[in-house]
Every structure is written in C-alpha cells, then in structure tokens.
C-alpha cells in the first residue's frame, strides 16, 4: 500500500449535482425548479405560508399556561451518584453538596437547585445536602446508612 494507492471505499462518496450548468447535466435550464411561480425565484421562504389563508398555527386556539416563576431543578439519580463514587469522582467520606456534584461533572449547572431521585441503587454510606429529593430517594439513602438533608425550602414535593 502506497500513498498514491489510497482510495475511499466505492460508493462512500457521491459527487454533488451541479445545478443549472447546461442541458447535458440533467439539471440545466430551470435547475429542477419548474416553470415560473414563487418557488422558482430566489430568496423564497414560505414554510407555514398558506397563500394568504390564515395559517393553521394561527387558526388553532392557544392552550395552557407557562408559569413565569417556575422552578427548574437539575435532576440526579442515586445510581449515577453511586457510579461517580465508584469511579472516585465523588468522595463518599465527605458531605456531597451541590457544588461537589457540579465539580465532579455529574451536574452541568445547578439551575434552581439539585433534586435527587431514586432511580438506581446506592450502596455507599453518603451524606447528601441538596435542594430537593423524592421520598423514595431519602428512604434509599437512609437504608444504605447515609443521610439526605434538604437545604433550601422546596415549594412543591
């Protein structure tokens, strides 16, 4: 095998169609756009446009309500915490705070706080200090011999 013998696998690359380059190209003259009309011209963006008729998204009624002060929590599962402890990214001996979870890379950003859920199982004896936790997560941590304290007041459980 020499450098000049290198080739890609047959069929791995496909040459792009050169549009509007004469009748021999197979896409000459109108370039596959048909004859006249709005879509044959350049600079056209008509997604969702219905020819002047009221578009569907405007005909349908508005639904629901977005709470302006809604809290958004970063969610962590117990199984992932255990995985990070096993990988020595978290120290089970020290108290695991929200800042420790961010520093380890388990949580990208805290948002309005970190909430622990009970997916997966935890075997290490840990001391967790987080904004929120599900009841089953608290039970699972205490069953493993650890403690889970909820630091900030949580509006809705």
N, C-alpha and C. Protein backbone atom coordinates (compact mmCIF):
# COMPACT_ATOMS: atom_id res chain seq x y z
N UNK A 1 0.86 -1.20 0.00
CA UNK A 1 0.00 0.00 0.00
C UNK A 1 0.89 1.24 0.00
N UNK A 2 0.69 2.09 -1.00
CA UNK A 2 1.44 3.33 -1.09
C UNK A 2 0.45 4.50 -1.01
N UNK A 3 0.98 5.68 -0.73
CA UNK A 3 0.11 6.85 -0.57
C UNK A 3 -0.75 7.11 -1.79
N UNK A 4 -0.17 6.92 -2.99
CA UNK A 4 -0.95 7.22 -4.19
C UNK A 4 -2.00 6.14 -4.49
N UNK A 5 -1.96 5.03 -3.73
CA UNK A 5 -2.94 3.96 -3.94
C UNK A 5 -4.16 4.09 -3.02
N UNK A 6 -4.11 5.08 -2.11
CA UNK A 6 -5.22 5.26 -1.17
C UNK A 6 -6.48 5.71 -1.90
N UNK A 7 -7.57 5.03 -1.66
CA UNK A 7 -8.87 5.39 -2.23
C UNK A 7 -9.94 5.17 -1.17
N UNK A 8 -11.00 5.92 -1.26
CA UNK A 8 -12.15 5.67 -0.38
C UNK A 8 -12.89 4.44 -0.89
N UNK A 9 -13.71 3.85 -0.03
CA UNK A 9 -14.49 2.68 -0.44
C UNK A 9 -15.40 3.07 -1.60
N UNK A 10 -15.62 2.16 -2.55
CA UNK A 10 -16.52 2.50 -3.65
C UNK A 10 -17.93 2.78 -3.14
N UNK A 11 -18.49 3.91 -3.56
CA UNK A 11 -19.84 4.29 -3.12
C UNK A 11 -19.85 5.11 -1.85
N UNK A 12 -18.69 5.32 -1.22
CA UNK A 12 -18.65 6.08 0.03
C UNK A 12 -18.82 7.56 -0.22
N UNK A 13 -18.34 8.04 -1.35
CA UNK A 13 -18.51 9.46 -1.66
C UNK A 13 -19.33 9.60 -2.93
N UNK A 14 -20.14 10.65 -2.97
CA UNK A 14 -21.00 10.88 -4.13
C UNK A 14 -20.81 12.33 -4.54
N UNK A 15 -20.57 12.56 -5.83
CA UNK A 15 -20.37 13.92 -6.30
C UNK A 15 -21.67 14.68 -6.27
N UNK A 16 -21.60 15.95 -5.85
CA UNK A 16 -22.84 16.73 -5.76
C UNK A 16 -23.32 17.15 -7.15
N UNK A 17 -24.63 17.23 -7.29
CA UNK A 17 -25.25 17.62 -8.56
C UNK A 17 -25.00 19.11 -8.78
N UNK A 18 -24.42 19.46 -9.94
CA UNK A 18 -24.20 20.87 -10.28
C UNK A 18 -25.41 21.35 -11.06
N UNK A 19 -26.20 22.18 -10.39
CA UNK A 19 -27.48 22.59 -10.94
C UNK A 19 -27.32 23.82 -11.83
N UNK A 20 -28.07 23.82 -12.94
CA UNK A 20 -28.07 24.97 -13.85
C UNK A 20 -26.80 25.10 -14.65
N UNK A 21 -26.22 23.98 -15.08
CA UNK A 21 -24.97 24.01 -15.84
C UNK A 21 -25.15 23.34 -17.20
N UNK A 22 -26.22 23.68 -17.89
CA UNK A 22 -26.41 23.21 -19.25
C UNK A 22 -27.26 21.95 -19.35
N UNK A 23 -27.79 21.70 -20.56
CA UNK A 23 -28.73 20.59 -20.75
C UNK A 23 -28.09 19.21 -20.56
N UNK A 24 -26.79 19.10 -20.77
CA UNK A 24 -26.13 17.80 -20.63
C UNK A 24 -26.04 17.33 -19.19
N UNK A 25 -26.19 18.26 -18.24
CA UNK A 25 -26.03 17.89 -16.83
C UNK A 25 -27.24 17.15 -16.28
N UNK A 26 -28.37 17.27 -16.96
CA UNK A 26 -29.59 16.65 -16.44
C UNK A 26 -30.35 17.57 -15.50
N UNK A 27 -29.73 18.68 -15.10
CA UNK A 27 -30.41 19.66 -14.25
C UNK A 27 -30.08 21.06 -14.77
N UNK A 28 -30.22 21.23 -16.09
CA UNK A 28 -29.89 22.52 -16.70
C UNK A 28 -31.13 23.39 -16.81
N UNK A 29 -31.03 24.48 -17.54
CA UNK A 29 -32.12 25.43 -17.79
C UNK A 29 -32.81 25.87 -16.51
N UNK A 30 -33.90 25.20 -16.08
CA UNK A 30 -34.65 25.64 -14.91
C UNK A 30 -34.07 25.09 -13.60
N UNK A 31 -33.13 24.17 -13.68
CA UNK A 31 -32.46 23.68 -12.47
C UNK A 31 -33.38 22.92 -11.53
N UNK A 32 -34.39 22.22 -12.07
CA UNK A 32 -35.26 21.41 -11.23
C UNK A 32 -36.31 22.20 -10.47
N UNK A 33 -36.47 23.50 -10.81
CA UNK A 33 -37.43 24.33 -10.07
C UNK A 33 -38.77 24.48 -10.79
N UNK A 34 -38.90 23.91 -11.96
CA UNK A 34 -40.16 24.05 -12.69
C UNK A 34 -40.22 25.39 -13.39
N UNK A 35 -41.44 25.77 -13.82
CA UNK A 35 -41.60 26.99 -14.58
C UNK A 35 -42.30 28.04 -13.73
N UNK A 36 -41.77 29.24 -13.69
CA UNK A 36 -42.35 30.40 -13.01
C UNK A 36 -42.79 30.12 -11.57
N UNK A 37 -43.48 31.06 -11.02
CA UNK A 37 -44.03 30.90 -9.67
C UNK A 37 -43.05 31.28 -8.58
N UNK A 38 -43.61 31.46 -7.40
CA UNK A 38 -42.82 31.96 -6.27
C UNK A 38 -41.64 31.04 -5.94
N UNK A 39 -41.87 29.73 -6.01
CA UNK A 39 -40.81 28.80 -5.61
C UNK A 39 -39.70 28.68 -6.65
N UNK A 40 -39.91 29.21 -7.84
CA UNK A 40 -38.84 29.16 -8.84
C UNK A 40 -37.88 30.33 -8.67
N UNK A 41 -38.27 31.32 -7.89
CA UNK A 41 -37.45 32.51 -7.71
C UNK A 41 -36.51 32.34 -6.51
N UNK A 42 -35.50 33.18 -6.46
CA UNK A 42 -34.56 33.09 -5.33
C UNK A 42 -35.09 33.88 -4.14
N UNK A 43 -34.58 33.57 -2.97
CA UNK A 43 -34.94 34.30 -1.76
C UNK A 43 -36.35 34.04 -1.29
N UNK A 44 -36.81 32.79 -1.39
CA UNK A 44 -38.18 32.47 -1.00
C UNK A 44 -38.18 31.62 0.25
N UNK A 45 -38.93 32.02 1.25
CA UNK A 45 -39.09 31.22 2.47
C UNK A 45 -40.58 31.19 2.79
N UNK A 46 -41.22 30.09 2.49
CA UNK A 46 -42.68 30.05 2.66
C UNK A 46 -43.14 28.88 3.52
N UNK A 47 -42.33 28.50 4.50
CA UNK A 47 -42.76 27.43 5.40
C UNK A 47 -43.91 27.93 6.25
N UNK A 48 -45.02 27.23 6.28
CA UNK A 48 -46.17 27.62 7.08
C UNK A 48 -47.05 28.66 6.41
N UNK A 49 -46.68 29.11 5.19
CA UNK A 49 -47.49 30.10 4.49
C UNK A 49 -48.54 29.38 3.67
N UNK A 50 -49.79 29.85 3.76
CA UNK A 50 -50.90 29.15 3.10
C UNK A 50 -51.57 30.02 2.05
N UNK A 51 -50.77 30.77 1.32
CA UNK A 51 -51.30 31.56 0.21
C UNK A 51 -52.26 32.64 0.63
N UNK A 52 -52.08 33.19 1.79
CA UNK A 52 -52.95 34.28 2.26
C UNK A 52 -54.04 33.78 3.19
N UNK A 53 -54.37 32.49 3.11
CA UNK A 53 -55.34 31.91 4.07
C UNK A 53 -54.69 31.94 5.45
N UNK A 54 -55.50 32.10 6.50
CA UNK A 54 -54.98 32.13 7.86
C UNK A 54 -54.27 30.80 8.15
N UNK A 55 -52.99 30.84 8.49
CA UNK A 55 -52.24 29.60 8.69
C UNK A 55 -52.80 28.76 9.84
N UNK A 56 -52.57 27.46 9.76
CA UNK A 56 -53.11 26.53 10.75
C UNK A 56 -52.70 26.89 12.17
N UNK A 57 -51.43 27.26 12.35
CA UNK A 57 -50.95 27.56 13.70
C UNK A 57 -51.63 28.80 14.28
N UNK A 58 -52.21 29.65 13.42
CA UNK A 58 -52.95 30.81 13.92
C UNK A 58 -54.43 30.51 14.10
N UNK A 59 -54.93 29.50 13.37
CA UNK A 59 -56.34 29.13 13.50
C UNK A 59 -56.62 28.34 14.76
N UNK A 60 -55.63 27.64 15.27
CA UNK A 60 -55.84 26.81 16.46
C UNK A 60 -55.80 27.67 17.72
N UNK A 61 -56.60 27.32 18.73
CA UNK A 61 -56.61 28.12 19.96
C UNK A 61 -55.34 27.94 20.77
N UNK A 62 -55.02 28.97 21.55
CA UNK A 62 -53.88 28.86 22.46
C UNK A 62 -54.28 27.95 23.61
N UNK A 63 -53.35 27.18 24.11
CA UNK A 63 -53.65 26.28 25.23
C UNK A 63 -52.57 26.40 26.29
N UNK A 64 -52.98 26.22 27.53
CA UNK A 64 -52.01 26.11 28.61
C UNK A 64 -51.51 27.44 29.13
N UNK A 65 -50.58 27.33 30.04
CA UNK A 65 -50.08 28.49 30.76
C UNK A 65 -48.65 28.18 31.18
N UNK A 66 -47.75 29.12 30.95
CA UNK A 66 -46.37 28.97 31.39
C UNK A 66 -46.12 29.85 32.60
N UNK A 67 -45.86 29.19 33.72
CA UNK A 67 -45.65 29.90 34.97
C UNK A 67 -44.36 30.72 34.88
N UNK A 68 -44.42 32.03 35.08
CA UNK A 68 -43.21 32.85 34.90
C UNK A 68 -42.14 32.58 35.97
N UNK A 69 -42.56 32.14 37.16
CA UNK A 69 -41.59 31.93 38.25
C UNK A 69 -41.38 30.45 38.55
N UNK A 70 -41.59 29.60 37.52
CA UNK A 70 -41.46 28.16 37.72
C UNK A 70 -40.02 27.80 38.10
N UNK A 71 -39.87 26.90 39.05
CA UNK A 71 -38.54 26.45 39.45
C UNK A 71 -38.09 25.31 38.55
N UNK A 72 -36.84 25.33 38.18
CA UNK A 72 -36.29 24.28 37.33
C UNK A 72 -35.10 23.66 38.06
N UNK A 73 -35.19 22.37 38.36
CA UNK A 73 -34.15 21.70 39.13
C UNK A 73 -33.28 20.83 38.23
N UNK A 74 -32.00 20.75 38.57
CA UNK A 74 -31.12 19.78 37.92
C UNK A 74 -31.41 18.44 38.59
N UNK A 75 -31.67 17.40 37.79
CA UNK A 75 -32.08 16.11 38.34
C UNK A 75 -30.91 15.14 38.36
N UNK A 76 -30.73 14.47 39.50
CA UNK A 76 -29.67 13.47 39.64
C UNK A 76 -30.28 12.19 40.19
N UNK A 77 -29.89 11.05 39.62
CA UNK A 77 -30.36 9.77 40.13
C UNK A 77 -29.33 9.16 41.07
N UNK A 78 -29.82 8.39 42.04
CA UNK A 78 -28.94 7.78 43.03
C UNK A 78 -27.93 6.84 42.37
N UNK A 79 -28.37 6.12 41.33
CA UNK A 79 -27.49 5.19 40.64
C UNK A 79 -26.28 5.90 40.06
N UNK A 80 -26.49 7.11 39.53
CA UNK A 80 -25.38 7.88 38.96
C UNK A 80 -24.42 8.37 40.05
N UNK A 81 -24.99 8.76 41.19
CA UNK A 81 -24.13 9.20 42.32
C UNK A 81 -23.22 8.04 42.73
N UNK A 82 -23.81 6.83 42.83
CA UNK A 82 -23.03 5.64 43.19
C UNK A 82 -21.94 5.36 42.15
N UNK A 83 -22.30 5.52 40.88
CA UNK A 83 -21.35 5.28 39.79
C UNK A 83 -20.16 6.25 39.89
N UNK A 84 -20.43 7.51 40.21
CA UNK A 84 -19.37 8.50 40.34
C UNK A 84 -18.52 8.25 41.58
N UNK A 85 -19.13 7.71 42.65
CA UNK A 85 -18.37 7.37 43.85
C UNK A 85 -17.43 6.20 43.53
N UNK A 86 -17.95 5.19 42.81
CA UNK A 86 -17.12 4.03 42.42
C UNK A 86 -15.96 4.45 41.53
N UNK A 87 -16.21 5.45 40.67
CA UNK A 87 -15.16 5.94 39.75
C UNK A 87 -14.23 6.94 40.43
N UNK A 88 -14.40 7.15 41.74
CA UNK A 88 -13.58 8.06 42.55
C UNK A 88 -13.70 9.53 42.10
N UNK A 89 -14.83 9.86 41.46
CA UNK A 89 -15.05 11.26 41.06
C UNK A 89 -15.75 12.03 42.18
N UNK A 90 -16.42 11.29 43.07
CA UNK A 90 -17.03 11.88 44.26
C UNK A 90 -16.46 11.19 45.49
N UNK A 91 -16.28 11.97 46.56
CA UNK A 91 -15.76 11.42 47.81
C UNK A 91 -16.93 11.11 48.74
N UNK A 92 -17.15 9.82 49.01
CA UNK A 92 -18.28 9.40 49.85
C UNK A 92 -18.05 9.76 51.31
N UNK A 93 -16.78 9.89 51.73
CA UNK A 93 -16.47 10.19 53.13
C UNK A 93 -16.90 11.61 53.49
N UNK A 94 -16.68 12.56 52.56
CA UNK A 94 -17.07 13.95 52.81
C UNK A 94 -18.54 14.14 52.44
N UNK A 95 -19.11 15.24 52.92
CA UNK A 95 -20.50 15.55 52.59
C UNK A 95 -20.58 15.93 51.11
N UNK A 96 -21.54 15.35 50.41
CA UNK A 96 -21.70 15.64 48.99
C UNK A 96 -22.71 16.78 48.86
N UNK A 97 -22.21 17.95 48.47
CA UNK A 97 -23.06 19.12 48.30
C UNK A 97 -23.35 19.31 46.81
N UNK A 98 -24.18 20.29 46.52
CA UNK A 98 -24.50 20.60 45.12
C UNK A 98 -23.24 21.05 44.37
N UNK A 99 -22.39 21.82 45.06
CA UNK A 99 -21.15 22.30 44.43
C UNK A 99 -20.23 21.13 44.09
N UNK A 100 -20.21 20.11 44.96
CA UNK A 100 -19.38 18.92 44.71
C UNK A 100 -19.89 18.16 43.50
N UNK A 101 -21.22 18.12 43.34
CA UNK A 101 -21.82 17.43 42.19
C UNK A 101 -21.47 18.14 40.89
N UNK A 102 -21.45 19.48 40.93
CA UNK A 102 -21.10 20.27 39.74
C UNK A 102 -19.61 20.09 39.43
N UNK A 103 -18.77 20.12 40.47
CA UNK A 103 -17.32 19.99 40.29
C UNK A 103 -16.95 18.62 39.72
N UNK A 104 -17.69 17.58 40.10
CA UNK A 104 -17.40 16.22 39.61
C UNK A 104 -17.83 16.03 38.17
N UNK A 105 -18.75 16.91 37.69
CA UNK A 105 -19.24 16.80 36.32
C UNK A 105 -20.53 16.02 36.22
N UNK A 106 -21.07 15.59 37.35
CA UNK A 106 -22.33 14.84 37.35
C UNK A 106 -23.50 15.76 36.99
N UNK A 107 -23.43 17.00 37.46
CA UNK A 107 -24.45 18.00 37.16
C UNK A 107 -23.77 19.12 36.38
N UNK A 108 -24.36 19.54 35.27
CA UNK A 108 -23.73 20.59 34.48
C UNK A 108 -23.88 21.95 35.17
N UNK A 109 -25.14 22.28 35.53
CA UNK A 109 -25.35 23.53 36.27
C UNK A 109 -26.50 23.34 37.26
N UNK A 110 -26.46 24.11 38.34
CA UNK A 110 -27.41 23.88 39.43
C UNK A 110 -28.83 24.34 39.13
N UNK A 111 -29.00 25.31 38.24
CA UNK A 111 -30.30 25.91 37.96
C UNK A 111 -30.89 26.43 39.26
N UNK A 112 -32.12 26.02 39.65
CA UNK A 112 -32.71 26.47 40.92
C UNK A 112 -32.38 25.52 42.05
N UNK A 113 -31.48 24.60 41.83
CA UNK A 113 -31.11 23.62 42.84
C UNK A 113 -31.02 22.24 42.23
N UNK A 114 -30.54 21.29 43.04
CA UNK A 114 -30.39 19.91 42.58
C UNK A 114 -31.41 19.05 43.30
N UNK A 115 -32.09 18.20 42.55
CA UNK A 115 -33.10 17.32 43.13
C UNK A 115 -32.67 15.87 42.88
N UNK A 116 -32.68 15.07 43.93
CA UNK A 116 -32.24 13.69 43.85
C UNK A 116 -33.45 12.77 43.70
N UNK A 117 -33.38 11.88 42.71
CA UNK A 117 -34.44 10.89 42.51
C UNK A 117 -33.88 9.50 42.76
N UNK A 118 -34.78 8.53 42.99
CA UNK A 118 -34.37 7.22 43.49
C UNK A 118 -34.06 6.18 42.42
N UNK A 119 -33.85 6.59 41.16
CA UNK A 119 -33.54 5.62 40.12
C UNK A 119 -32.15 5.04 40.35
N UNK A 120 -32.03 3.74 40.24
CA UNK A 120 -30.78 3.07 40.55
C UNK A 120 -30.67 2.83 42.04
N UNK A 121 -29.62 2.15 42.47
CA UNK A 121 -29.49 1.90 43.90
C UNK A 121 -28.14 2.37 44.40
N UNK A 122 -28.14 2.80 45.66
CA UNK A 122 -26.92 3.33 46.27
C UNK A 122 -26.49 2.38 47.38
N UNK A 123 -25.20 2.08 47.40
CA UNK A 123 -24.68 1.15 48.40
C UNK A 123 -23.75 1.85 49.38
N UNK A 124 -23.16 2.96 48.97
CA UNK A 124 -22.23 3.69 49.84
C UNK A 124 -22.98 4.47 50.91
N UNK A 125 -22.30 4.66 52.04
CA UNK A 125 -22.87 5.47 53.11
C UNK A 125 -22.49 6.92 52.80
N UNK A 126 -23.48 7.71 52.36
CA UNK A 126 -23.19 9.08 51.94
C UNK A 126 -24.01 10.09 52.72
N UNK A 127 -23.45 11.30 52.78
CA UNK A 127 -24.17 12.41 53.40
C UNK A 127 -24.45 13.43 52.29
N UNK A 128 -25.70 13.49 51.84
CA UNK A 128 -26.08 14.36 50.73
C UNK A 128 -26.75 15.63 51.25
N UNK A 129 -26.37 16.77 50.68
CA UNK A 129 -27.02 18.04 51.01
C UNK A 129 -27.47 18.67 49.71
N UNK A 130 -28.78 18.59 49.44
CA UNK A 130 -29.33 19.07 48.18
C UNK A 130 -30.60 19.89 48.41
N UNK A 131 -31.08 20.53 47.35
CA UNK A 131 -32.28 21.37 47.44
C UNK A 131 -33.54 20.54 47.60
N UNK A 132 -33.58 19.38 46.90
CA UNK A 132 -34.80 18.58 46.97
C UNK A 132 -34.50 17.12 46.73
N UNK A 133 -35.44 16.28 47.15
CA UNK A 133 -35.31 14.84 46.93
C UNK A 133 -36.67 14.19 47.02
N UNK A 134 -36.83 13.09 46.28
CA UNK A 134 -38.09 12.35 46.38
C UNK A 134 -38.06 11.54 47.67
N UNK A 135 -39.26 11.17 48.16
CA UNK A 135 -39.35 10.42 49.42
C UNK A 135 -38.61 9.10 49.31
N UNK A 136 -38.76 8.44 48.14
CA UNK A 136 -38.10 7.15 47.96
C UNK A 136 -36.58 7.29 47.92
N UNK A 137 -36.08 8.43 47.44
CA UNK A 137 -34.63 8.66 47.41
C UNK A 137 -34.11 8.82 48.84
N UNK A 138 -34.85 9.56 49.66
CA UNK A 138 -34.46 9.76 51.06
C UNK A 138 -34.41 8.40 51.77
N UNK A 139 -35.45 7.57 51.55
CA UNK A 139 -35.50 6.24 52.18
C UNK A 139 -34.33 5.38 51.74
N UNK A 140 -34.01 5.41 50.43
CA UNK A 140 -32.93 4.58 49.89
C UNK A 140 -31.58 4.96 50.49
N UNK A 141 -31.33 6.27 50.65
CA UNK A 141 -30.07 6.74 51.21
C UNK A 141 -29.97 6.34 52.68
N UNK A 142 -31.08 6.50 53.42
CA UNK A 142 -31.07 6.13 54.84
C UNK A 142 -30.94 4.62 55.03
N UNK A 143 -31.50 3.85 54.11
CA UNK A 143 -31.39 2.39 54.15
C UNK A 143 -29.93 1.95 53.97
N UNK A 144 -29.20 2.71 53.14
CA UNK A 144 -27.78 2.41 52.90
C UNK A 144 -26.90 2.91 54.05
N UNK A 145 -27.51 3.57 55.04
CA UNK A 145 -26.77 4.04 56.21
C UNK A 145 -26.33 5.48 56.13
N UNK A 146 -26.77 6.19 55.09
CA UNK A 146 -26.37 7.59 54.94
C UNK A 146 -27.47 8.53 55.38
N UNK A 147 -27.29 9.81 55.04
CA UNK A 147 -28.30 10.80 55.38
C UNK A 147 -28.47 11.75 54.21
N UNK A 148 -29.71 12.21 54.01
CA UNK A 148 -30.00 13.16 52.93
C UNK A 148 -30.71 14.35 53.54
N UNK A 149 -30.06 15.49 53.55
CA UNK A 149 -30.67 16.69 54.11
C UNK A 149 -31.05 17.64 52.99
N UNK A 150 -32.27 18.18 53.12
CA UNK A 150 -32.75 19.14 52.14
C UNK A 150 -32.45 20.52 52.67
N UNK A 151 -31.60 21.27 51.95
CA UNK A 151 -31.08 22.54 52.44
C UNK A 151 -32.08 23.67 52.30
N UNK A 152 -32.43 24.04 51.08
CA UNK A 152 -33.35 25.16 50.87
C UNK A 152 -34.79 24.69 50.95
N UNK A 153 -35.68 25.62 51.26
CA UNK A 153 -37.12 25.29 51.32
C UNK A 153 -37.59 24.98 49.91
N UNK A 154 -38.25 23.85 49.77
CA UNK A 154 -38.75 23.43 48.46
C UNK A 154 -40.24 23.67 48.39
N UNK A 155 -40.68 24.35 47.36
CA UNK A 155 -42.10 24.73 47.23
C UNK A 155 -43.00 23.52 47.07
N UNK A 156 -42.70 22.68 46.07
CA UNK A 156 -43.59 21.55 45.80
C UNK A 156 -42.80 20.25 45.84
N UNK A 157 -43.27 19.28 46.58
CA UNK A 157 -42.59 17.97 46.69
C UNK A 157 -42.98 17.09 45.54
